[in-house]
Amino acid sequence: MDDELRSLQEKLHAVSARLSDLSLNKQTAEALVAEYRQLLKALDKFTPAN
């Protein structure tokens, strides 16, 4: 669980760093989308199933 939480924190930090970068271009936007998808997958592990 600690490893999963650490991974989630790293992914959140990566997305946050990308969002704080004011020089958004196609390459950084694509990287942001990829990191955001990874963050969503990590968050999905913490979401209770219905």
N, C-alpha and C. Protein backbone atom coordinates (compact mmCIF):
# COMPACT_ATOMS: atom_id res chain seq x y z
N MET A 1 0.83 -1.19 0.00
CA MET A 1 0.00 0.00 0.00
C MET A 1 0.87 1.25 0.00
N ASP A 2 1.95 1.22 0.77
CA ASP A 2 2.83 2.38 0.82
C ASP A 2 3.45 2.66 -0.55
N ASP A 3 3.81 1.59 -1.27
CA ASP A 3 4.37 1.77 -2.60
C ASP A 3 3.35 2.38 -3.55
N GLU A 4 2.10 1.94 -3.44
CA GLU A 4 1.04 2.48 -4.29
C GLU A 4 0.79 3.95 -3.97
N LEU A 5 0.80 4.28 -2.71
CA LEU A 5 0.59 5.67 -2.30
C LEU A 5 1.75 6.54 -2.77
N ARG A 6 2.96 6.03 -2.65
CA ARG A 6 4.14 6.78 -3.11
C ARG A 6 4.06 6.99 -4.63
N SER A 7 3.65 5.96 -5.35
CA SER A 7 3.50 6.07 -6.80
C SER A 7 2.44 7.11 -7.16
N LEU A 8 1.34 7.11 -6.43
CA LEU A 8 0.28 8.09 -6.65
C LEU A 8 0.80 9.50 -6.41
N GLN A 9 1.56 9.69 -5.35
CA GLN A 9 2.12 11.00 -5.05
C GLN A 9 3.08 11.46 -6.15
N GLU A 10 3.89 10.54 -6.66
CA GLU A 10 4.83 10.89 -7.73
C GLU A 10 4.08 11.31 -8.99
N LYS A 11 3.02 10.58 -9.32
CA LYS A 11 2.24 10.91 -10.51
C LYS A 11 1.53 12.25 -10.35
N LEU A 12 1.01 12.50 -9.17
CA LEU A 12 0.36 13.79 -8.90
C LEU A 12 1.36 14.93 -9.00
N HIS A 13 2.55 14.71 -8.48
CA HIS A 13 3.59 15.73 -8.56
C HIS A 13 3.98 15.99 -10.02
N ALA A 14 4.09 14.93 -10.82
CA ALA A 14 4.46 15.09 -12.23
C ALA A 14 3.42 15.92 -12.98
N VAL A 15 2.14 15.64 -12.73
CA VAL A 15 1.07 16.39 -13.38
C VAL A 15 1.09 17.84 -12.90
N SER A 16 1.27 18.03 -11.62
CA SER A 16 1.33 19.38 -11.06
C SER A 16 2.47 20.18 -11.67
N ALA A 17 3.63 19.56 -11.82
CA ALA A 17 4.78 20.24 -12.41
C ALA A 17 4.50 20.62 -13.85
N ARG A 18 3.86 19.74 -14.60
CA ARG A 18 3.52 20.05 -16.00
C ARG A 18 2.54 21.22 -16.07
N LEU A 19 1.55 21.22 -15.17
CA LEU A 19 0.55 22.29 -15.18
C LEU A 19 1.14 23.64 -14.80
N SER A 20 2.19 23.63 -13.99
CA SER A 20 2.79 24.89 -13.59
C SER A 20 3.74 25.44 -14.65
N ASP A 21 4.05 24.65 -15.66
CA ASP A 21 4.91 25.09 -16.77
C ASP A 21 4.10 25.97 -17.71
N LEU A 22 4.47 27.22 -17.81
CA LEU A 22 3.70 28.17 -18.61
C LEU A 22 4.00 28.07 -20.11
N SER A 23 5.04 27.35 -20.48
CA SER A 23 5.40 27.23 -21.90
C SER A 23 4.82 25.95 -22.48
N LEU A 24 3.51 25.90 -22.59
CA LEU A 24 2.83 24.72 -23.09
C LEU A 24 2.89 24.69 -24.61
N ASN A 25 3.42 23.61 -25.13
CA ASN A 25 3.42 23.38 -26.57
C ASN A 25 2.91 21.97 -26.82
N LYS A 26 2.94 21.53 -28.06
CA LYS A 26 2.38 20.22 -28.38
C LYS A 26 3.08 19.10 -27.63
N GLN A 27 4.39 19.17 -27.54
CA GLN A 27 5.14 18.10 -26.88
C GLN A 27 4.84 18.05 -25.38
N THR A 28 4.83 19.20 -24.73
CA THR A 28 4.54 19.20 -23.29
C THR A 28 3.07 18.88 -23.02
N ALA A 29 2.20 19.27 -23.93
CA ALA A 29 0.78 18.93 -23.77
C ALA A 29 0.58 17.42 -23.88
N GLU A 30 1.26 16.79 -24.82
CA GLU A 30 1.16 15.33 -24.96
C GLU A 30 1.72 14.63 -23.73
N ALA A 31 2.81 15.15 -23.19
CA ALA A 31 3.39 14.58 -21.98
C ALA A 31 2.43 14.75 -20.80
N LEU A 32 1.78 15.91 -20.73
CA LEU A 32 0.80 16.15 -19.67
C LEU A 32 -0.35 15.16 -19.77
N VAL A 33 -0.84 14.94 -20.95
CA VAL A 33 -1.94 13.99 -21.14
C VAL A 33 -1.52 12.59 -20.70
N ALA A 34 -0.31 12.17 -21.07
CA ALA A 34 0.17 10.85 -20.69
C ALA A 34 0.31 10.73 -19.17
N GLU A 35 0.85 11.75 -18.54
CA GLU A 35 1.01 11.71 -17.08
C GLU A 35 -0.34 11.78 -16.37
N TYR A 36 -1.26 12.53 -16.94
CA TYR A 36 -2.60 12.62 -16.36
C TYR A 36 -3.31 11.27 -16.44
N ARG A 37 -3.14 10.56 -17.55
CA ARG A 37 -3.73 9.22 -17.69
C ARG A 37 -3.15 8.26 -16.66
N GLN A 38 -1.84 8.34 -16.43
CA GLN A 38 -1.20 7.49 -15.42
C GLN A 38 -1.74 7.82 -14.04
N LEU A 39 -1.95 9.10 -13.77
CA LEU A 39 -2.51 9.52 -12.49
C LEU A 39 -3.92 8.97 -12.31
N LEU A 40 -4.73 9.05 -13.35
CA LEU A 40 -6.09 8.53 -13.26
C LEU A 40 -6.11 7.03 -13.01
N LYS A 41 -5.20 6.29 -13.65
CA LYS A 41 -5.11 4.85 -13.41
C LYS A 41 -4.71 4.56 -11.98
N ALA A 42 -3.77 5.35 -11.44
CA ALA A 42 -3.35 5.15 -10.06
C ALA A 42 -4.49 5.49 -9.10
N LEU A 43 -5.23 6.55 -9.40
CA LEU A 43 -6.37 6.93 -8.54
C LEU A 43 -7.47 5.86 -8.58
N ASP A 44 -7.60 5.21 -9.70
CA ASP A 44 -8.62 4.18 -9.85
C ASP A 44 -8.41 3.05 -8.84
N LYS A 45 -7.17 2.79 -8.49
CA LYS A 45 -6.86 1.74 -7.50
C LYS A 45 -7.41 2.09 -6.12
N PHE A 46 -7.56 3.39 -5.84
CA PHE A 46 -8.02 3.84 -4.54
C PHE A 46 -9.53 4.10 -4.51
N THR A 47 -10.20 3.90 -5.63
CA THR A 47 -11.63 4.13 -5.72
C THR A 47 -12.37 2.83 -5.41
N PRO A 48 -13.27 2.86 -4.47
CA PRO A 48 -14.02 1.63 -4.15
C PRO A 48 -14.88 1.20 -5.33
N ALA A 49 -14.92 -0.11 -5.56
CA ALA A 49 -15.74 -0.66 -6.64
C ALA A 49 -17.20 -0.66 -6.22
N ASN A 50 -18.07 -0.42 -7.19
CA ASN A 50 -19.53 -0.42 -6.90
C ASN A 50 -20.08 -1.81 -6.98
